[in-house]
Amino acid sequence: MHFHKRTLLSVATLGMLAVSVVLMVVWVRNSNHSSINTNEFLCTTRTVTTIQPKDIHADGSLVLDFKMKRITLQYEIKTKDNGVKILYRDVYMKNLHRTAPGVYTFEVSQVKVFA
């Protein structure tokens, strides 16, 4: 009977240890998804867009900068009557979170419009 109690105690202790290790691994994986090193991400893209019904042609770039927490839009817009308009906006982000690999959410804190 003495060995039975010792075996039961050992199995219970090892079971609790295994459960705590599994819970710690799950917690570490989830915490890595919600935090992001914002000092390392900068993405730029160039786009050319034509809107047929209004005969508008937009040519410009978009810059996503997590270090400065800013999205910059720079576009030259040409209309059908050969009018040219420059669109330049800075969108500042706050509460940046990574919800899944490649998916980020944020709130817009400020938009600066330049003429």
PDB file of N, CA and C in Angstrom:
ATOM      1  N   MET A   1       0.822  -1.188   0.000  1.00  0.00           N
ATOM      2  CA  MET A   1       0.000   0.000   0.000  1.00  0.00           C
ATOM      3  C   MET A   1       0.867   1.254   0.000  1.00  0.00           C
ATOM      4  N   HIS A   2       2.005   1.203   0.632  1.00  0.00           N
ATOM      5  CA  HIS A   2       2.891   2.354   0.705  1.00  0.00           C
ATOM      6  C   HIS A   2       3.386   2.768  -0.690  1.00  0.00           C
ATOM      7  N   PHE A   3       3.752   1.789  -1.535  1.00  0.00           N
ATOM      8  CA  PHE A   3       4.240   2.094  -2.879  1.00  0.00           C
ATOM      9  C   PHE A   3       3.128   2.622  -3.777  1.00  0.00           C
ATOM     10  N   HIS A   4       1.899   2.196  -3.533  1.00  0.00           N
ATOM     11  CA  HIS A   4       0.766   2.666  -4.333  1.00  0.00           C
ATOM     12  C   HIS A   4       0.559   4.173  -4.144  1.00  0.00           C
ATOM     13  N   LYS A   5       0.649   4.657  -2.922  1.00  0.00           N
ATOM     14  CA  LYS A   5       0.481   6.088  -2.658  1.00  0.00           C
ATOM     15  C   LYS A   5       1.624   6.901  -3.270  1.00  0.00           C
ATOM     16  N   ARG A   6       2.837   6.365  -3.185  1.00  0.00           N
ATOM     17  CA  ARG A   6       3.977   7.069  -3.761  1.00  0.00           C
ATOM     18  C   ARG A   6       3.839   7.152  -5.294  1.00  0.00           C
ATOM     19  N   THR A   7       3.399   6.076  -5.918  1.00  0.00           N
ATOM     20  CA  THR A   7       3.205   6.064  -7.373  1.00  0.00           C
ATOM     21  C   THR A   7       2.120   7.050  -7.773  1.00  0.00           C
ATOM     22  N   LEU A   8       1.035   7.075  -7.036  1.00  0.00           N
ATOM     23  CA  LEU A   8      -0.056   8.001  -7.328  1.00  0.00           C
ATOM     24  C   LEU A   8       0.408   9.454  -7.179  1.00  0.00           C
ATOM     25  N   LEU A   9       1.187   9.748  -6.162  1.00  0.00           N
ATOM     26  CA  LEU A   9       1.719  11.089  -5.965  1.00  0.00           C
ATOM     27  C   LEU A   9       2.679  11.480  -7.099  1.00  0.00           C
ATOM     28  N   SER A  10       3.525  10.554  -7.522  1.00  0.00           N
ATOM     29  CA  SER A  10       4.459  10.828  -8.627  1.00  0.00           C
ATOM     30  C   SER A  10       3.717  11.085  -9.930  1.00  0.00           C
ATOM     31  N   VAL A  11       2.701  10.290 -10.227  1.00  0.00           N
ATOM     32  CA  VAL A  11       1.923  10.463 -11.455  1.00  0.00           C
ATOM     33  C   VAL A  11       1.181  11.799 -11.422  1.00  0.00           C
ATOM     34  N   ALA A  12       0.610  12.160 -10.295  1.00  0.00           N
ATOM     35  CA  ALA A  12      -0.113  13.430 -10.182  1.00  0.00           C
ATOM     36  C   ALA A  12       0.844  14.613 -10.346  1.00  0.00           C
ATOM     37  N   THR A  13       2.029  14.530  -9.751  1.00  0.00           N
ATOM     38  CA  THR A  13       3.011  15.606  -9.868  1.00  0.00           C
ATOM     39  C   THR A  13       3.489  15.762 -11.311  1.00  0.00           C
ATOM     40  N   LEU A  14       3.807  14.653 -11.961  1.00  0.00           N
ATOM     41  CA  LEU A  14       4.248  14.716 -13.357  1.00  0.00           C
ATOM     42  C   LEU A  14       3.127  15.202 -14.276  1.00  0.00           C
ATOM     43  N   GLY A  15       1.891  14.831 -13.976  1.00  0.00           N
ATOM     44  CA  GLY A  15       0.751  15.299 -14.773  1.00  0.00           C
ATOM     45  C   GLY A  15       0.576  16.805 -14.665  1.00  0.00           C
ATOM     46  N   MET A  16       0.667  17.335 -13.444  1.00  0.00           N
ATOM     47  CA  MET A  16       0.552  18.788 -13.271  1.00  0.00           C
ATOM     48  C   MET A  16       1.711  19.518 -13.943  1.00  0.00           C
ATOM     49  N   LEU A  17       2.905  18.950 -13.890  1.00  0.00           N
ATOM     50  CA  LEU A  17       4.060  19.553 -14.545  1.00  0.00           C
ATOM     51  C   LEU A  17       3.868  19.578 -16.066  1.00  0.00           C
ATOM     52  N   ALA A  18       3.363  18.488 -16.633  1.00  0.00           N
ATOM     53  CA  ALA A  18       3.128  18.426 -18.080  1.00  0.00           C
ATOM     54  C   ALA A  18       2.063  19.434 -18.508  1.00  0.00           C
ATOM     55  N   VAL A  19       0.992  19.550 -17.733  1.00  0.00           N
ATOM     56  CA  VAL A  19      -0.070  20.508 -18.054  1.00  0.00           C
ATOM     57  C   VAL A  19       0.462  21.937 -17.980  1.00  0.00           C
ATOM     58  N   SER A  20       1.284  22.236 -16.981  1.00  0.00           N
ATOM     59  CA  SER A  20       1.820  23.592 -16.867  1.00  0.00           C
ATOM     60  C   SER A  20       2.770  23.916 -18.021  1.00  0.00           C
ATOM     61  N   VAL A  21       3.549  22.943 -18.487  1.00  0.00           N
ATOM     62  CA  VAL A  21       4.435  23.169 -19.634  1.00  0.00           C
ATOM     63  C   VAL A  21       3.617  23.433 -20.893  1.00  0.00           C
ATOM     64  N   VAL A  22       2.564  22.665 -21.113  1.00  0.00           N
ATOM     65  CA  VAL A  22       1.700  22.865 -22.281  1.00  0.00           C
ATOM     66  C   VAL A  22       1.044  24.239 -22.227  1.00  0.00           C
ATOM     67  N   LEU A  23       0.539  24.643 -21.075  1.00  0.00           N
ATOM     68  CA  LEU A  23      -0.080  25.962 -20.946  1.00  0.00           C
ATOM     69  C   LEU A  23       0.929  27.084 -21.178  1.00  0.00           C
ATOM     70  N   MET A  24       2.167  26.914 -20.721  1.00  0.00           N
ATOM     71  CA  MET A  24       3.184  27.933 -20.942  1.00  0.00           C
ATOM     72  C   MET A  24       3.520  28.048 -22.430  1.00  0.00           C
ATOM     73  N   VAL A  25       3.620  26.924 -23.137  1.00  0.00           N
ATOM     74  CA  VAL A  25       3.902  26.959 -24.578  1.00  0.00           C
ATOM     75  C   VAL A  25       2.778  27.664 -25.321  1.00  0.00           C
ATOM     76  N   VAL A  26       1.530  27.376 -24.983  1.00  0.00           N
ATOM     77  CA  VAL A  26       0.384  28.035 -25.617  1.00  0.00           C
ATOM     78  C   VAL A  26       0.410  29.531 -25.332  1.00  0.00           C
ATOM     79  N   TRP A  27       0.713  29.922 -24.125  1.00  0.00           N
ATOM     80  CA  TRP A  27       0.765  31.339 -23.762  1.00  0.00           C
ATOM     81  C   TRP A  27       1.868  32.073 -24.527  1.00  0.00           C
ATOM     82  N   VAL A  28       3.047  31.454 -24.662  1.00  0.00           N
ATOM     83  CA  VAL A  28       4.157  32.081 -25.386  1.00  0.00           C
ATOM     84  C   VAL A  28       3.806  32.245 -26.858  1.00  0.00           C
ATOM     85  N   ARG A  29       3.205  31.247 -27.469  1.00  0.00           N
ATOM     86  CA  ARG A  29       2.812  31.355 -28.882  1.00  0.00           C
ATOM     87  C   ARG A  29       1.783  32.460 -29.083  1.00  0.00           C
ATOM     88  N   ASN A  30       0.809  32.571 -28.209  1.00  0.00           N
ATOM     89  CA  ASN A  30      -0.210  33.619 -28.345  1.00  0.00           C
ATOM     90  C   ASN A  30       0.369  35.006 -28.102  1.00  0.00           C
ATOM     91  N   SER A  31       1.302  35.138 -27.190  1.00  0.00           N
ATOM     92  CA  SER A  31       1.886  36.452 -26.927  1.00  0.00           C
ATOM     93  C   SER A  31       2.763  36.907 -28.087  1.00  0.00           C
ATOM     94  N   ASN A  32       3.354  35.992 -28.830  1.00  0.00           N
ATOM     95  CA  ASN A  32       4.161  36.371 -29.991  1.00  0.00           C
ATOM     96  C   ASN A  32       3.304  36.905 -31.123  1.00  0.00           C
ATOM     97  N   HIS A  33       2.068  36.450 -31.252  1.00  0.00           N
ATOM     98  CA  HIS A  33       1.198  36.936 -32.317  1.00  0.00           C
ATOM     99  C   HIS A  33       0.698  38.348 -32.041  1.00  0.00           C
ATOM    100  N   SER A  34       0.514  38.712 -30.796  1.00  0.00           N
ATOM    101  CA  SER A  34      -0.057  40.020 -30.495  1.00  0.00           C
ATOM    102  C   SER A  34       0.990  41.129 -30.456  1.00  0.00           C
ATOM    103  N   SER A  35       2.251  40.776 -30.292  1.00  0.00           N
ATOM    104  CA  SER A  35       3.282  41.810 -30.262  1.00  0.00           C
ATOM    105  C   SER A  35       4.093  41.757 -31.552  1.00  0.00           C
ATOM    106  N   ILE A  36       4.616  42.891 -31.934  1.00  0.00           N
ATOM    107  CA  ILE A  36       5.397  42.987 -33.164  1.00  0.00           C
ATOM    108  C   ILE A  36       6.537  43.953 -32.931  1.00  0.00           C
ATOM    109  N   ASN A  37       7.669  43.635 -33.499  1.00  0.00           N
ATOM    110  CA  ASN A  37       8.789  44.561 -33.436  1.00  0.00           C
ATOM    111  C   ASN A  37       8.569  45.596 -34.528  1.00  0.00           C
ATOM    112  N   THR A  38       8.094  46.749 -34.151  1.00  0.00           N
ATOM    113  CA  THR A  38       7.697  47.751 -35.135  1.00  0.00           C
ATOM    114  C   THR A  38       8.874  48.498 -35.728  1.00  0.00           C
ATOM    115  N   ASN A  39      10.073  48.248 -35.256  1.00  0.00           N
ATOM    116  CA  ASN A  39      11.231  48.961 -35.786  1.00  0.00           C
ATOM    117  C   ASN A  39      11.784  48.327 -37.056  1.00  0.00           C
ATOM    118  N   GLU A  40      11.243  47.196 -37.476  1.00  0.00           N
ATOM    119  CA  GLU A  40      11.839  46.469 -38.582  1.00  0.00           C
ATOM    120  C   GLU A  40      10.966  46.400 -39.825  1.00  0.00           C
ATOM    121  N   PHE A  41       9.820  47.046 -39.864  1.00  0.00           N
ATOM    122  CA  PHE A  41       8.914  46.851 -40.985  1.00  0.00           C
ATOM    123  C   PHE A  41       8.711  48.137 -41.766  1.00  0.00           C
ATOM    124  N   LEU A  42       9.064  48.092 -43.030  1.00  0.00           N
ATOM    125  CA  LEU A  42       8.841  49.204 -43.947  1.00  0.00           C
ATOM    126  C   LEU A  42       8.454  48.592 -45.286  1.00  0.00           C
ATOM    127  N   CYS A  43       7.333  49.003 -45.816  1.00  0.00           N
ATOM    128  CA  CYS A  43       6.834  48.451 -47.071  1.00  0.00           C
ATOM    129  C   CYS A  43       6.468  49.597 -48.003  1.00  0.00           C
ATOM    130  N   THR A  44       6.946  49.528 -49.234  1.00  0.00           N
ATOM    131  CA  THR A  44       6.574  50.530 -50.228  1.00  0.00           C
ATOM    132  C   THR A  44       6.012  49.822 -51.448  1.00  0.00           C
ATOM    133  N   THR A  45       5.059  50.445 -52.080  1.00  0.00           N
ATOM    134  CA  THR A  45       4.488  49.894 -53.304  1.00  0.00           C
ATOM    135  C   THR A  45       4.123  51.030 -54.245  1.00  0.00           C
ATOM    136  N   ARG A  46       4.215  50.757 -55.511  1.00  0.00           N
ATOM    137  CA  ARG A  46       3.850  51.742 -56.530  1.00  0.00           C
ATOM    138  C   ARG A  46       2.631  51.206 -57.257  1.00  0.00           C
ATOM    139  N   THR A  47       1.653  52.071 -57.456  1.00  0.00           N
ATOM    140  CA  THR A  47       0.426  51.647 -58.125  1.00  0.00           C
ATOM    141  C   THR A  47       0.060  52.612 -59.238  1.00  0.00           C
ATOM    142  N   VAL A  48      -0.535  52.040 -60.266  1.00  0.00           N
ATOM    143  CA  VAL A  48      -1.103  52.813 -61.366  1.00  0.00           C
ATOM    144  C   VAL A  48      -2.533  52.327 -61.520  1.00  0.00           C
ATOM    145  N   THR A  49      -3.482  53.247 -61.402  1.00  0.00           N
ATOM    146  CA  THR A  49      -4.897  52.890 -61.420  1.00  0.00           C
ATOM    147  C   THR A  49      -5.633  53.769 -62.418  1.00  0.00           C
ATOM    148  N   THR A  50      -6.538  53.145 -63.161  1.00  0.00           N
ATOM    149  CA  THR A  50      -7.396  53.887 -64.074  1.00  0.00           C
ATOM    150  C   THR A  50      -8.842  53.587 -63.724  1.00  0.00           C
ATOM    151  N   ILE A  51      -9.634  54.634 -63.512  1.00  0.00           N
ATOM    152  CA  ILE A  51     -11.064  54.484 -63.233  1.00  0.00           C
ATOM    153  C   ILE A  51     -11.791  54.855 -64.521  1.00  0.00           C
ATOM    154  N   GLN A  52     -12.317  53.847 -65.211  1.00  0.00           N
ATOM    155  CA  GLN A  52     -12.887  54.032 -66.543  1.00  0.00           C
ATOM    156  C   GLN A  52     -14.105  54.954 -66.592  1.00  0.00           C
ATOM    157  N   PRO A  53     -15.129  54.779 -65.741  1.00  0.00           N
ATOM    158  CA  PRO A  53     -16.336  55.609 -65.896  1.00  0.00           C
ATOM    159  C   PRO A  53     -16.069  57.108 -65.815  1.00  0.00           C
ATOM    160  N   LYS A  54     -15.125  57.513 -64.989  1.00  0.00           N
ATOM    161  CA  LYS A  54     -14.835  58.948 -64.838  1.00  0.00           C
ATOM    162  C   LYS A  54     -13.563  59.349 -65.574  1.00  0.00           C
ATOM    163  N   ASP A  55     -12.916  58.392 -66.226  1.00  0.00           N
ATOM    164  CA  ASP A  55     -11.689  58.627 -66.983  1.00  0.00           C
ATOM    165  C   ASP A  55     -10.633  59.331 -66.122  1.00  0.00           C
ATOM    166  N   ILE A  56     -10.355  58.707 -64.970  1.00  0.00           N
ATOM    167  CA  ILE A  56      -9.360  59.225 -64.031  1.00  0.00           C
ATOM    168  C   ILE A  56      -8.179  58.260 -64.007  1.00  0.00           C
ATOM    169  N   HIS A  57      -6.987  58.807 -64.024  1.00  0.00           N
ATOM    170  CA  HIS A  57      -5.758  58.015 -63.995  1.00  0.00           C
ATOM    171  C   HIS A  57      -4.943  58.444 -62.766  1.00  0.00           C
ATOM    172  N   ALA A  58      -4.669  57.493 -61.870  1.00  0.00           N
ATOM    173  CA  ALA A  58      -3.896  57.782 -60.656  1.00  0.00           C
ATOM    174  C   ALA A  58      -2.583  57.006 -60.699  1.00  0.00           C
ATOM    175  N   ASP A  59      -1.506  57.694 -60.453  1.00  0.00           N
ATOM    176  CA  ASP A  59      -0.175  57.098 -60.479  1.00  0.00           C
ATOM    177  C   ASP A  59       0.557  57.572 -59.227  1.00  0.00           C
ATOM    178  N   GLY A  60       0.989  56.620 -58.391  1.00  0.00           N
ATOM    179  CA  GLY A  60       1.654  57.054 -57.169  1.00  0.00           C
ATOM    180  C   GLY A  60       2.188  55.914 -56.341  1.00  0.00           C
ATOM    181  N   SER A  61       2.428  56.210 -55.073  1.00  0.00           N
ATOM    182  CA  SER A  61       3.018  55.220 -54.184  1.00  0.00           C
ATOM    183  C   SER A  61       2.361  55.263 -52.813  1.00  0.00           C
ATOM    184  N   LEU A  62       2.506  54.144 -52.124  1.00  0.00           N
ATOM    185  CA  LEU A  62       2.008  53.995 -50.764  1.00  0.00           C
ATOM    186  C   LEU A  62       3.170  53.476 -49.929  1.00  0.00           C
ATOM    187  N   VAL A  63       3.423  54.094 -48.798  1.00  0.00           N
ATOM    188  CA  VAL A  63       4.508  53.680 -47.910  1.00  0.00           C
ATOM    189  C   VAL A  63       3.903  53.338 -46.556  1.00  0.00           C
ATOM    190  N   LEU A  64       4.167  52.122 -46.090  1.00  0.00           N
ATOM    191  CA  LEU A  64       3.706  51.661 -44.779  1.00  0.00           C
ATOM    192  C   LEU A  64       4.937  51.551 -43.890  1.00  0.00           C
ATOM    193  N   ASP A  65       5.022  52.397 -42.880  1.00  0.00           N
ATOM    194  CA  ASP A  65       6.197  52.496 -42.022  1.00  0.00           C
ATOM    195  C   ASP A  65       5.779  52.265 -40.572  1.00  0.00           C
ATOM    196  N   PHE A  66       6.094  51.069 -40.038  1.00  0.00           N
ATOM    197  CA  PHE A  66       5.722  50.758 -38.659  1.00  0.00           C
ATOM    198  C   PHE A  66       6.637  51.451 -37.658  1.00  0.00           C
ATOM    199  N   LYS A  67       7.853  51.809 -38.052  1.00  0.00           N
ATOM    200  CA  LYS A  67       8.758  52.491 -37.126  1.00  0.00           C
ATOM    201  C   LYS A  67       8.213  53.873 -36.773  1.00  0.00           C
ATOM    202  N   MET A  68       7.760  54.609 -37.777  1.00  0.00           N
ATOM    203  CA  MET A  68       7.193  55.939 -37.553  1.00  0.00           C
ATOM    204  C   MET A  68       5.685  55.879 -37.311  1.00  0.00           C
ATOM    205  N   LYS A  69       5.106  54.674 -37.403  1.00  0.00           N
ATOM    206  CA  LYS A  69       3.653  54.459 -37.257  1.00  0.00           C
ATOM    207  C   LYS A  69       2.887  55.388 -38.197  1.00  0.00           C
ATOM    208  N   ARG A  70       3.229  55.253 -39.502  1.00  0.00           N
ATOM    209  CA  ARG A  70       2.684  56.169 -40.487  1.00  0.00           C
ATOM    210  C   ARG A  70       2.441  55.450 -41.808  1.00  0.00           C
ATOM    211  N   ILE A  71       1.359  55.827 -42.469  1.00  0.00           N
ATOM    212  CA  ILE A  71       1.083  55.412 -43.837  1.00  0.00           C
ATOM    213  C   ILE A  71       1.104  56.686 -44.675  1.00  0.00           C
ATOM    214  N   THR A  72       1.903  56.680 -45.732  1.00  0.00           N
ATOM    215  CA  THR A  72       2.020  57.853 -46.593  1.00  0.00           C
ATOM    216  C   THR A  72       1.454  57.526 -47.964  1.00  0.00           C
ATOM    217  N   LEU A  73       0.541  58.366 -48.437  1.00  0.00           N
ATOM    218  CA  LEU A  73      -0.047  58.231 -49.770  1.00  0.00           C
ATOM    219  C   LEU A  73       0.431  59.397 -50.616  1.00  0.00           C
ATOM    220  N   GLN A  74       1.011  59.095 -51.778  1.00  0.00           N
ATOM    221  CA  GLN A  74       1.481  60.131 -52.695  1.00  0.00           C
ATOM    222  C   GLN A  74       0.993  59.757 -54.094  1.00  0.00           C
ATOM    223  N   TYR A  75       0.027  60.490 -54.611  1.00  0.00           N
ATOM    224  CA  TYR A  75      -0.553  60.173 -55.917  1.00  0.00           C
ATOM    225  C   TYR A  75      -0.659  61.412 -56.784  1.00  0.00           C
ATOM    226  N   GLU A  76      -0.450  61.218 -58.079  1.00  0.00           N
ATOM    227  CA  GLU A  76      -0.707  62.236 -59.089  1.00  0.00           C
ATOM    228  C   GLU A  76      -1.956  61.779 -59.838  1.00  0.00           C
ATOM    229  N   ILE A  77      -2.999  62.580 -59.791  1.00  0.00           N
ATOM    230  CA  ILE A  77      -4.282  62.205 -60.379  1.00  0.00           C
ATOM    231  C   ILE A  77      -4.534  63.071 -61.609  1.00  0.00           C
ATOM    232  N   LYS A  78      -4.748  62.395 -62.749  1.00  0.00           N
ATOM    233  CA  LYS A  78      -5.037  63.094 -64.004  1.00  0.00           C
ATOM    234  C   LYS A  78      -6.489  62.824 -64.374  1.00  0.00           C
ATOM    235  N   THR A  79      -7.225  63.880 -64.698  1.00  0.00           N
ATOM    236  CA  THR A  79      -8.632  63.740 -65.076  1.00  0.00           C
ATOM    237  C   THR A  79      -8.775  63.810 -66.589  1.00  0.00           C
ATOM    238  N   LYS A  80     -10.008  63.589 -67.065  1.00  0.00           N
ATOM    239  CA  LYS A  80     -10.247  63.543 -68.513  1.00  0.00           C
ATOM    240  C   LYS A  80     -10.009  64.888 -69.198  1.00  0.00           C
ATOM    241  N   ASP A  81     -10.128  65.984 -68.471  1.00  0.00           N
ATOM    242  CA  ASP A  81      -9.874  67.303 -69.071  1.00  0.00           C
ATOM    243  C   ASP A  81      -8.413  67.737 -68.869  1.00  0.00           C
ATOM    244  N   ASN A  82      -7.527  66.747 -68.684  1.00  0.00           N
ATOM    245  CA  ASN A  82      -6.077  66.941 -68.519  1.00  0.00           C
ATOM    246  C   ASN A  82      -5.710  67.765 -67.293  1.00  0.00           C
ATOM    247  N   GLY A  83      -6.585  67.803 -66.318  1.00  0.00           N
ATOM    248  CA  GLY A  83      -6.255  68.440 -65.045  1.00  0.00           C
ATOM    249  C   GLY A  83      -5.408  67.499 -64.207  1.00  0.00           C
ATOM    250  N   VAL A  84      -4.436  68.050 -63.523  1.00  0.00           N
ATOM    251  CA  VAL A  84      -3.546  67.248 -62.688  1.00  0.00           C
ATOM    252  C   VAL A  84      -3.675  67.726 -61.251  1.00  0.00           C
ATOM    253  N   LYS A  85      -3.861  66.766 -60.360  1.00  0.00           N
ATOM    254  CA  LYS A  85      -3.990  67.082 -58.939  1.00  0.00           C
ATOM    255  C   LYS A  85      -3.027  66.178 -58.178  1.00  0.00           C
ATOM    256  N   ILE A  86      -2.368  66.727 -57.197  1.00  0.00           N
ATOM    257  CA  ILE A  86      -1.446  65.957 -56.366  1.00  0.00           C
ATOM    258  C   ILE A  86      -2.153  65.618 -55.056  1.00  0.00           C
ATOM    259  N   LEU A  87      -2.170  64.339 -54.726  1.00  0.00           N
ATOM    260  CA  LEU A  87      -2.766  63.866 -53.472  1.00  0.00           C
ATOM    261  C   LEU A  87      -1.621  63.401 -52.577  1.00  0.00           C
ATOM    262  N   TYR A  88      -1.473  64.038 -51.431  1.00  0.00           N
ATOM    263  CA  TYR A  88      -0.414  63.682 -50.494  1.00  0.00           C
ATOM    264  C   TYR A  88      -1.007  63.695 -49.092  1.00  0.00           C
ATOM    265  N   ARG A  89      -1.004  62.512 -48.458  1.00  0.00           N
ATOM    266  CA  ARG A  89      -1.583  62.393 -47.116  1.00  0.00           C
ATOM    267  C   ARG A  89      -0.687  61.525 -46.239  1.00  0.00           C
ATOM    268  N   ASP A  90      -0.598  61.903 -44.981  1.00  0.00           N
ATOM    269  CA  ASP A  90       0.051  61.089 -43.957  1.00  0.00           C
ATOM    270  C   ASP A  90      -1.024  60.623 -42.991  1.00  0.00           C
ATOM    271  N   VAL A  91      -1.107  59.320 -42.798  1.00  0.00           N
ATOM    272  CA  VAL A  91      -2.053  58.733 -41.849  1.00  0.00           C
ATOM    273  C   VAL A  91      -1.226  58.153 -40.711  1.00  0.00           C
ATOM    274  N   TYR A  92      -1.453  58.647 -39.505  1.00  0.00           N
ATOM    275  CA  TYR A  92      -0.707  58.184 -38.339  1.00  0.00           C
ATOM    276  C   TYR A  92      -1.514  57.136 -37.586  1.00  0.00           C
ATOM    277  N   MET A  93      -0.816  56.049 -37.171  1.00  0.00           N
ATOM    278  CA  MET A  93      -1.466  54.915 -36.515  1.00  0.00           C
ATOM    279  C   MET A  93      -1.194  54.929 -35.015  1.00  0.00           C
ATOM    280  N   LYS A  94      -2.113  54.307 -34.269  1.00  0.00           N
ATOM    281  CA  LYS A  94      -1.881  54.034 -32.851  1.00  0.00           C
ATOM    282  C   LYS A  94      -2.505  52.676 -32.543  1.00  0.00           C
ATOM    283  N   ASN A  95      -2.116  52.081 -31.439  1.00  0.00           N
ATOM    284  CA  ASN A  95      -2.599  50.765 -31.009  1.00  0.00           C
ATOM    285  C   ASN A  95      -2.425  49.723 -32.110  1.00  0.00           C
ATOM    286  N   LEU A  96      -1.202  49.604 -32.606  1.00  0.00           N
ATOM    287  CA  LEU A  96      -0.882  48.642 -33.656  1.00  0.00           C
ATOM    288  C   LEU A  96      -0.781  47.248 -33.053  1.00  0.00           C
ATOM    289  N   HIS A  97      -1.550  46.291 -33.602  1.00  0.00           N
ATOM    290  CA  HIS A  97      -1.547  44.909 -33.114  1.00  0.00           C
ATOM    291  C   HIS A  97      -1.457  43.948 -34.283  1.00  0.00           C
ATOM    292  N   ARG A  98      -0.794  42.836 -34.057  1.00  0.00           N
ATOM    293  CA  ARG A  98      -0.747  41.763 -35.042  1.00  0.00           C
ATOM    294  C   ARG A  98      -1.750  40.711 -34.605  1.00  0.00           C
ATOM    295  N   THR A  99      -2.817  40.525 -35.382  1.00  0.00           N
ATOM    296  CA  THR A  99      -3.866  39.578 -35.007  1.00  0.00           C
ATOM    297  C   THR A  99      -3.603  38.189 -35.547  1.00  0.00           C
ATOM    298  N   ALA A 100      -2.873  38.083 -36.629  1.00  0.00           N
ATOM    299  CA  ALA A 100      -2.502  36.806 -37.238  1.00  0.00           C
ATOM    300  C   ALA A 100      -1.276  37.079 -38.105  1.00  0.00           C
ATOM    301  N   PRO A 101      -0.602  36.035 -38.558  1.00  0.00           N
ATOM    302  CA  PRO A 101       0.549  36.283 -39.436  1.00  0.00           C
ATOM    303  C   PRO A 101       0.136  37.062 -40.684  1.00  0.00           C
ATOM    304  N   GLY A 102       0.710  38.237 -40.862  1.00  0.00           N
ATOM    305  CA  GLY A 102       0.409  39.068 -42.017  1.00  0.00           C
ATOM    306  C   GLY A 102      -0.825  39.938 -41.884  1.00  0.00           C
ATOM    307  N   VAL A 103      -1.501  39.895 -40.731  1.00  0.00           N
ATOM    308  CA  VAL A 103      -2.719  40.685 -40.521  1.00  0.00           C
ATOM    309  C   VAL A 103      -2.484  41.612 -39.328  1.00  0.00           C
ATOM    310  N   TYR A 104      -2.653  42.914 -39.572  1.00  0.00           N
ATOM    311  CA  TYR A 104      -2.421  43.917 -38.542  1.00  0.00           C
ATOM    312  C   TYR A 104      -3.654  44.794 -38.385  1.00  0.00           C
ATOM    313  N   THR A 105      -3.921  45.219 -37.176  1.00  0.00           N
ATOM    314  CA  THR A 105      -5.007  46.161 -36.924  1.00  0.00           C
ATOM    315  C   THR A 105      -4.429  47.381 -36.211  1.00  0.00           C
ATOM    316  N   PHE A 106      -5.071  48.518 -36.433  1.00  0.00           N
ATOM    317  CA  PHE A 106      -4.621  49.749 -35.798  1.00  0.00           C
ATOM    318  C   PHE A 106      -5.763  50.748 -35.810  1.00  0.00           C
ATOM    319  N   GLU A 107      -5.591  51.785 -35.021  1.00  0.00           N
ATOM    320  CA  GLU A 107      -6.522  52.910 -35.016  1.00  0.00           C
ATOM    321  C   GLU A 107      -5.827  54.095 -35.676  1.00  0.00           C
ATOM    322  N   VAL A 108      -6.602  54.917 -36.344  1.00  0.00           N
ATOM    323  CA  VAL A 108      -6.057  56.125 -36.965  1.00  0.00           C
ATOM    324  C   VAL A 108      -6.058  57.229 -35.917  1.00  0.00           C
ATOM    325  N   SER A 109      -4.881  57.763 -35.632  1.00  0.00           N
ATOM    326  CA  SER A 109      -4.801  58.824 -34.628  1.00  0.00           C
ATOM    327  C   SER A 109      -4.863  60.211 -35.257  1.00  0.00           C
ATOM    328  N   GLN A 110      -4.358  60.329 -36.496  1.00  0.00           N
ATOM    329  CA  GLN A 110      -4.310  61.650 -37.118  1.00  0.00           C
ATOM    330  C   GLN A 110      -4.102  61.484 -38.621  1.00  0.00           C
ATOM    331  N   VAL A 111      -4.706  62.381 -39.399  1.00  0.00           N
ATOM    332  CA  VAL A 111      -4.496  62.424 -40.852  1.00  0.00           C
ATOM    333  C   VAL A 111      -4.046  63.833 -41.213  1.00  0.00           C
ATOM    334  N   LYS A 112      -2.889  63.926 -41.856  1.00  0.00           N
ATOM    335  CA  LYS A 112      -2.392  65.226 -42.322  1.00  0.00           C
ATOM    336  C   LYS A 112      -2.556  65.274 -43.833  1.00  0.00           C
ATOM    337  N   VAL A 113      -3.190  66.333 -44.313  1.00  0.00           N
ATOM    338  CA  VAL A 113      -3.412  66.527 -45.740  1.00  0.00           C
ATOM    339  C   VAL A 113      -2.520  67.665 -46.201  1.00  0.00           C
ATOM    340  N   PHE A 114      -1.734  67.401 -47.231  1.00  0.00           N
ATOM    341  CA  PHE A 114      -0.847  68.418 -47.796  1.00  0.00           C
ATOM    342  C   PHE A 114      -1.384  68.831 -49.154  1.00  0.00           C
ATOM    343  N   ALA A 115      -1.378  70.117 -49.434  1.00  0.00           N
ATOM    344  CA  ALA A 115      -1.912  70.617 -50.710  1.00  0.00           C
ATOM    345  C   ALA A 115      -0.843  70.623 -51.769  1.00  0.00           C
TER     346      ALA A 115
END
